[in-house]
């Protein structure tokens, strides 16, 4: 007589989600390259490599840029004085693709009208990127927190209507955090290529002083002194008024020294700027000194006081 054994069906297996099936949380290198071009406007291949993958092969950066060019997301012009060095910028399609990206929120993404337009703007824009890279290289060596997107070019703020300029446009605003001790810094940065008169450069200090004191008036209301202090325009954007840094290049050592002396003279001789200097650190340095010695080296001249050189964080 045959018997049949009762069998217990196997327990249901609950599948665990595979890590490999999870969506990628990190952006691709191509994504970061587009974001950098959207923010910095114009970047050469070596500059892009220094921001993206400084320890990797430069050929990989070139390959990424060439593919983005093939996809009509970026275009290039030749850097000033070079027959081969490419300076890249977003096409109109690239602007549409990057519009609304979280890392660019609050920034206006623009494309040059043409390669000629990009070329005409290239000298100052690439000098600004050079300055940014001096801080970036130094921050990486020191272990400080400062990334490729922590330099925001061409930041504009309204000025009081006093018959002068109606806007302050900083070449860049820098966001920097030192690791030891952990301190957060912000700075307005002016990159000077000695293409304007020394007096006109020094007048930028007056614009910063006006912005520091600017209290937007509400129509039909005159507040108390306490109310006005609480309504300073810069309070809307910064927890503390950023220090002001001038970086000079593109002239002889003597010329650059004279321009720094003129900045110090403006600080001492103009009552608004002198008042700003009592509250806000102001300094100037030569770009080549930053690149040779490091941005945190004692190569900065304070624009007020004795004028002994120091680090920019010690101004």
Protein backbone atom coordinates (compact mmCIF):
# COMPACT_ATOMS: atom_id res chain seq x y z
CA UNK A 1 0.00 0.00 0.00
CA UNK A 2 1.50 3.21 -1.05
CA UNK A 3 1.44 6.27 1.13
CA UNK A 4 1.77 9.91 0.22
CA UNK A 5 3.56 12.25 2.54
CA UNK A 6 2.03 15.63 3.11
CA UNK A 7 4.45 18.34 2.07
CA UNK A 8 4.59 21.82 3.43
CA UNK A 9 4.77 24.45 0.75
CA UNK A 10 7.95 26.52 0.96
CA UNK A 11 7.65 29.84 2.74
CA UNK A 12 7.22 32.80 0.49
CA UNK A 13 10.48 34.57 -0.15
CA UNK A 14 10.45 38.30 0.38
CA UNK A 15 12.80 39.91 -2.07
CA UNK A 16 14.98 42.65 -0.71
CA UNK A 17 15.43 45.67 -2.96
CA UNK A 18 18.78 45.54 -4.67
CA UNK A 19 21.11 48.47 -4.12
CA UNK A 20 21.95 48.28 -7.80
CA UNK A 21 18.31 49.02 -8.69
CA UNK A 22 18.22 52.26 -6.73
CA UNK A 23 18.37 55.48 -8.75
CA UNK A 24 21.72 57.21 -8.96
CA UNK A 25 21.98 60.05 -6.46
CA UNK A 26 25.13 61.62 -7.90
CA UNK A 27 25.19 63.81 -10.98
CA UNK A 28 27.17 62.75 -13.99
CA UNK A 29 30.34 64.60 -14.93
CA UNK A 30 28.53 65.94 -18.00
CA UNK A 31 25.79 67.37 -15.76
CA UNK A 32 28.37 69.10 -13.58
CA UNK A 33 30.17 70.48 -16.63
CA UNK A 34 26.93 72.05 -17.88
CA UNK A 35 26.19 73.49 -14.43
CA UNK A 36 29.67 75.04 -14.27
CA UNK A 37 29.27 76.63 -17.70
CA UNK A 38 25.84 77.93 -16.72
CA UNK A 39 27.32 79.57 -13.63
CA UNK A 40 30.71 80.79 -14.87
CA UNK A 41 29.59 81.68 -18.43
CA UNK A 42 32.93 80.95 -20.15
CA UNK A 43 35.52 78.32 -19.16
CA UNK A 44 38.59 76.96 -20.97
CA UNK A 45 39.25 73.23 -21.21
CA UNK A 46 42.10 73.29 -18.61
CA UNK A 47 39.97 75.39 -16.25
CA UNK A 48 37.07 72.97 -16.58
CA UNK A 49 39.43 70.07 -15.89
CA UNK A 50 40.71 71.80 -12.76
CA UNK A 51 37.16 72.24 -11.48
CA UNK A 52 35.80 68.81 -12.49
CA UNK A 53 38.53 66.19 -12.10
CA UNK A 54 41.88 67.76 -11.18
CA UNK A 55 43.41 64.36 -10.41
CA UNK A 56 42.17 62.63 -13.54
CA UNK A 57 43.22 62.56 -17.16
CA UNK A 58 42.68 65.82 -19.03
CA UNK A 59 41.68 63.82 -22.11
CA UNK A 60 38.54 62.66 -20.26
CA UNK A 61 37.46 66.25 -19.66
CA UNK A 62 38.07 67.06 -23.32
CA UNK A 63 36.01 64.03 -24.34
CA UNK A 64 33.07 65.15 -22.19
CA UNK A 65 33.19 68.69 -23.61
CA UNK A 66 33.41 67.41 -27.18
CA UNK A 67 30.35 65.21 -26.67
CA UNK A 68 28.36 68.12 -25.20
CA UNK A 69 29.44 70.15 -28.23
CA UNK A 70 28.27 67.36 -30.54
CA UNK A 71 24.90 67.41 -28.75
CA UNK A 72 24.62 71.18 -29.42
CA UNK A 73 24.57 71.99 -25.69
CA UNK A 74 27.81 73.99 -25.69
CA UNK A 75 29.94 75.90 -28.19
CA UNK A 76 33.41 77.42 -28.05
CA UNK A 77 35.48 80.42 -29.02
CA UNK A 78 39.27 80.67 -28.93
CA UNK A 79 40.79 82.19 -25.81
CA UNK A 80 42.51 85.58 -26.27
CA UNK A 81 46.04 85.25 -27.66
CA UNK A 82 45.67 81.56 -28.46
CA UNK A 83 45.16 79.76 -31.74
CA UNK A 84 44.12 76.48 -30.10
CA UNK A 85 42.84 77.00 -26.54
CA UNK A 86 39.06 76.60 -26.50
CA UNK A 87 36.82 78.61 -24.19
CA UNK A 88 33.42 76.95 -23.82
CA UNK A 89 29.97 78.45 -23.27
CA UNK A 90 26.35 77.27 -23.32
CA UNK A 91 24.31 77.36 -26.49
CA UNK A 92 20.68 78.47 -26.38
CA UNK A 93 19.74 74.80 -26.15
CA UNK A 94 22.15 74.38 -23.25
CA UNK A 95 20.49 77.31 -21.46
CA UNK A 96 17.07 75.70 -21.88
CA UNK A 97 18.36 72.36 -20.57
CA UNK A 98 19.98 73.84 -17.44
CA UNK A 99 17.20 76.31 -16.60
CA UNK A 100 15.66 75.40 -13.25
CA UNK A 101 18.41 73.05 -12.07
CA UNK A 102 18.50 73.10 -8.24
CA UNK A 103 22.18 74.08 -8.03
CA UNK A 104 21.50 77.10 -10.26
CA UNK A 105 18.29 78.25 -8.58
CA UNK A 106 18.25 81.99 -8.10
CA UNK A 107 20.86 82.59 -10.82
CA UNK A 108 20.11 83.86 -14.30
CA UNK A 109 21.52 81.50 -16.93
CA UNK A 110 22.52 83.35 -20.09
CA UNK A 111 24.09 82.41 -23.40
CA UNK A 112 26.29 84.72 -25.48
CA UNK A 113 24.62 85.99 -28.62
CA UNK A 114 27.39 84.48 -30.72
CA UNK A 115 30.97 83.25 -30.67
CA UNK A 116 32.07 86.83 -31.32
CA UNK A 117 30.07 88.03 -28.31
CA UNK A 118 31.72 85.36 -26.16
CA UNK A 119 35.15 86.32 -27.49
CA UNK A 120 34.67 90.01 -26.67
CA UNK A 121 33.77 89.13 -23.07
CA UNK A 122 36.39 86.43 -22.66
CA UNK A 123 39.36 88.35 -21.21
CA UNK A 124 37.57 89.55 -18.07
CA UNK A 125 35.44 86.43 -17.65
CA UNK A 126 38.43 84.07 -17.87
CA UNK A 127 40.41 86.26 -15.43
CA UNK A 128 37.50 85.90 -13.01
CA UNK A 129 37.60 82.11 -13.40
CA UNK A 130 41.38 82.21 -12.83
CA UNK A 131 40.76 84.03 -9.55
CA UNK A 132 38.14 81.48 -8.52
CA UNK A 133 40.56 78.64 -9.28
CA UNK A 134 43.24 80.23 -7.10
CA UNK A 135 40.84 80.02 -4.14
CA UNK A 136 39.65 76.54 -5.16
CA UNK A 137 43.18 75.11 -5.40
CA UNK A 138 44.12 76.61 -2.04
CA UNK A 139 40.92 75.34 -0.37
CA UNK A 140 41.55 71.80 -1.57
CA UNK A 141 45.10 71.89 -0.19
CA UNK A 142 43.86 73.20 3.18
CA UNK A 143 40.80 70.94 3.44
CA UNK A 144 38.43 73.90 3.50
CA UNK A 145 34.88 73.81 2.16
CA UNK A 146 34.82 75.68 -1.12
CA UNK A 147 33.52 74.11 -4.29
CA UNK A 148 33.35 74.97 -8.00
CA UNK A 149 29.87 76.50 -7.58
CA UNK A 150 30.71 78.59 -4.50
CA UNK A 151 31.82 81.47 -6.72
CA UNK A 152 28.76 83.31 -8.08
CA UNK A 153 29.62 85.79 -10.85
CA UNK A 154 28.01 89.15 -11.57
CA UNK A 155 25.79 89.64 -8.54
CA UNK A 156 23.71 92.83 -8.75
CA UNK A 157 22.13 94.86 -5.94
CA UNK A 158 20.11 98.07 -6.08
CA UNK A 159 21.64 101.28 -4.78
CA UNK A 160 19.84 104.31 -3.29
CA UNK A 161 18.66 106.87 -5.79
CA UNK A 162 21.20 109.62 -5.16
CA UNK A 163 21.90 110.65 -8.73
CA UNK A 164 24.76 108.18 -9.14
CA UNK A 165 24.83 104.59 -10.30
CA UNK A 166 21.59 102.76 -9.53
CA UNK A 167 23.17 99.31 -9.19
CA UNK A 168 26.15 97.68 -7.56
CA UNK A 169 27.36 94.78 -9.72
CA UNK A 170 30.05 92.72 -8.01
CA UNK A 171 32.26 90.65 -10.28
CA UNK A 172 31.52 87.74 -7.93
CA UNK A 173 30.28 86.78 -4.50
CA UNK A 174 32.33 84.05 -2.85
CA UNK A 175 31.05 81.62 -0.18
CA UNK A 176 33.89 80.00 1.77
CA UNK A 177 34.09 77.90 4.96
CA UNK A 178 37.39 77.25 6.73
CA UNK A 179 37.80 73.87 8.40
CA UNK A 180 39.97 74.80 11.39
CA UNK A 181 38.47 76.72 12.99
CA UNK A 182 35.13 76.23 11.24
CA UNK A 183 34.10 79.70 10.15
CA UNK A 184 31.92 80.88 7.27
CA UNK A 185 33.06 83.76 5.09
CA UNK A 186 31.43 85.71 2.30
CA UNK A 187 33.19 88.18 0.07
CA UNK A 188 32.38 90.57 -2.71
CA UNK A 189 35.16 90.15 -5.26
CA UNK A 190 36.33 92.71 -7.84
CA UNK A 191 38.71 91.45 -10.53
CA UNK A 192 40.66 94.34 -12.04
CA UNK A 193 42.60 93.94 -15.30
CA UNK A 194 43.80 97.56 -15.31
CA UNK A 195 41.46 98.37 -18.19
CA UNK A 196 39.73 101.21 -16.33
CA UNK A 197 41.29 104.24 -14.67
CA UNK A 198 42.58 103.80 -11.15
CA UNK A 199 40.15 106.48 -9.95
CA UNK A 200 37.19 104.62 -11.46
CA UNK A 201 38.32 101.40 -9.77
CA UNK A 202 38.59 103.15 -6.41
CA UNK A 203 35.09 104.59 -6.85
CA UNK A 204 33.74 101.03 -6.60
CA UNK A 205 34.42 101.38 -2.88
CA UNK A 206 31.90 104.23 -2.74
CA UNK A 207 29.27 101.95 -4.32
CA UNK A 208 29.91 99.29 -1.69
CA UNK A 209 29.67 101.93 1.06
CA UNK A 210 26.36 103.18 -0.35
CA UNK A 211 24.98 99.64 -0.48
CA UNK A 212 26.09 99.03 3.10
CA UNK A 213 24.04 102.01 4.31
CA UNK A 214 21.11 101.64 1.93
CA UNK A 215 17.68 101.56 3.58
CA UNK A 216 14.86 101.10 1.02
CA UNK A 217 12.07 103.49 1.86
CA UNK A 218 8.50 102.23 1.85
CA UNK A 219 6.15 104.61 0.01
CA UNK A 220 4.29 106.91 2.37
CA UNK A 221 6.16 105.78 5.48
CA UNK A 222 9.03 107.23 7.47
CA UNK A 223 10.26 104.82 10.06
CA UNK A 224 12.21 105.37 13.24
CA UNK A 225 15.98 104.98 13.38
CA UNK A 226 15.48 101.51 14.88
CA UNK A 227 13.09 100.55 12.07
CA UNK A 228 15.52 101.74 9.43
CA UNK A 229 18.42 99.77 10.92
CA UNK A 230 16.30 96.63 10.68
CA UNK A 231 15.48 97.35 7.04
CA UNK A 232 19.00 97.67 5.62
CA UNK A 233 18.86 96.29 2.09
CA UNK A 234 21.76 93.86 2.49
CA UNK A 235 20.02 92.12 5.41
CA UNK A 236 17.74 90.47 2.85
CA UNK A 237 20.68 88.64 1.28
CA UNK A 238 23.49 88.22 3.84
CA UNK A 239 23.66 87.46 7.58
CA UNK A 240 26.74 89.68 7.71
CA UNK A 241 27.96 92.21 5.14
CA UNK A 242 30.57 90.41 2.97
CA UNK A 243 34.15 91.59 3.05
CA UNK A 244 35.31 93.32 -0.13
CA UNK A 245 38.32 91.89 -2.00
CA UNK A 246 40.07 93.46 -5.00
CA UNK A 247 42.24 91.16 -7.14
CA UNK A 248 44.47 92.94 -9.65
CA UNK A 249 46.31 91.63 -12.72
CA UNK A 250 47.34 92.40 -16.33
CA UNK A 251 49.82 95.21 -15.56
CA UNK A 252 53.34 95.77 -14.25
CA UNK A 253 54.15 95.32 -10.58
CA UNK A 254 54.59 99.08 -10.23
CA UNK A 255 51.21 99.84 -11.82
CA UNK A 256 49.41 97.30 -9.65
CA UNK A 257 51.08 98.70 -6.51
CA UNK A 258 49.94 102.21 -7.45
CA UNK A 259 46.37 101.00 -7.95
CA UNK A 260 46.37 99.40 -4.49
CA UNK A 261 47.71 102.66 -3.04
CA UNK A 262 44.83 104.51 -4.72
CA UNK A 263 42.33 102.11 -3.15
CA UNK A 264 43.86 102.82 0.26
CA UNK A 265 43.72 106.56 -0.40
CA UNK A 266 40.02 106.35 -1.28
CA UNK A 267 39.37 104.41 1.94
CA UNK A 268 41.14 107.04 4.03
CA UNK A 269 39.82 110.07 2.17
CA UNK A 270 36.10 109.37 1.63
CA UNK A 271 33.90 109.52 4.72
CA UNK A 272 31.45 106.84 3.53
CA UNK A 273 34.24 104.40 2.65
CA UNK A 274 36.09 105.13 5.89
CA UNK A 275 32.91 104.31 7.81
CA UNK A 276 32.54 101.09 5.80
CA UNK A 277 36.16 100.14 6.61
CA UNK A 278 35.40 100.44 10.34
CA UNK A 279 32.81 97.66 10.00
CA UNK A 280 33.82 95.56 6.97
CA UNK A 281 37.23 94.05 6.10
CA UNK A 282 38.59 95.47 2.83
CA UNK A 283 41.67 94.14 1.03
CA UNK A 284 43.56 93.90 -2.25
CA UNK A 285 46.03 91.44 -3.76
CA UNK A 286 47.73 90.61 -7.05
CA UNK A 287 46.33 87.55 -8.86
CA UNK A 288 49.76 86.17 -9.71
CA UNK A 289 50.66 86.23 -5.98
CA UNK A 290 47.54 84.20 -5.19
CA UNK A 291 48.46 81.65 -7.86
CA UNK A 292 52.10 81.41 -6.74
CA UNK A 293 51.75 81.46 -2.96
CA UNK A 294 48.12 80.42 -2.38
CA UNK A 295 45.02 82.52 -1.84
CA UNK A 296 45.31 82.17 1.95
CA UNK A 297 48.96 83.33 2.04
CA UNK A 298 49.85 86.73 3.56
CA UNK A 299 49.73 88.52 0.21
CA UNK A 300 46.72 90.76 0.95
CA UNK A 301 47.07 94.47 1.65
CA UNK A 302 44.38 95.87 3.99
CA UNK A 303 42.78 99.00 2.57
CA UNK A 304 42.70 100.67 5.98
CA UNK A 305 45.17 100.79 8.85
CA UNK A 306 48.94 100.25 8.69
CA UNK A 307 48.80 98.19 5.48
CA UNK A 308 50.87 95.20 6.65
CA UNK A 309 50.16 92.19 4.44
CA UNK A 310 48.11 89.33 5.86
CA UNK A 311 45.79 86.46 4.86
CA UNK A 312 42.40 87.47 3.43
CA UNK A 313 40.63 85.89 6.41
CA UNK A 314 42.67 88.13 8.74
CA UNK A 315 41.87 91.47 7.11
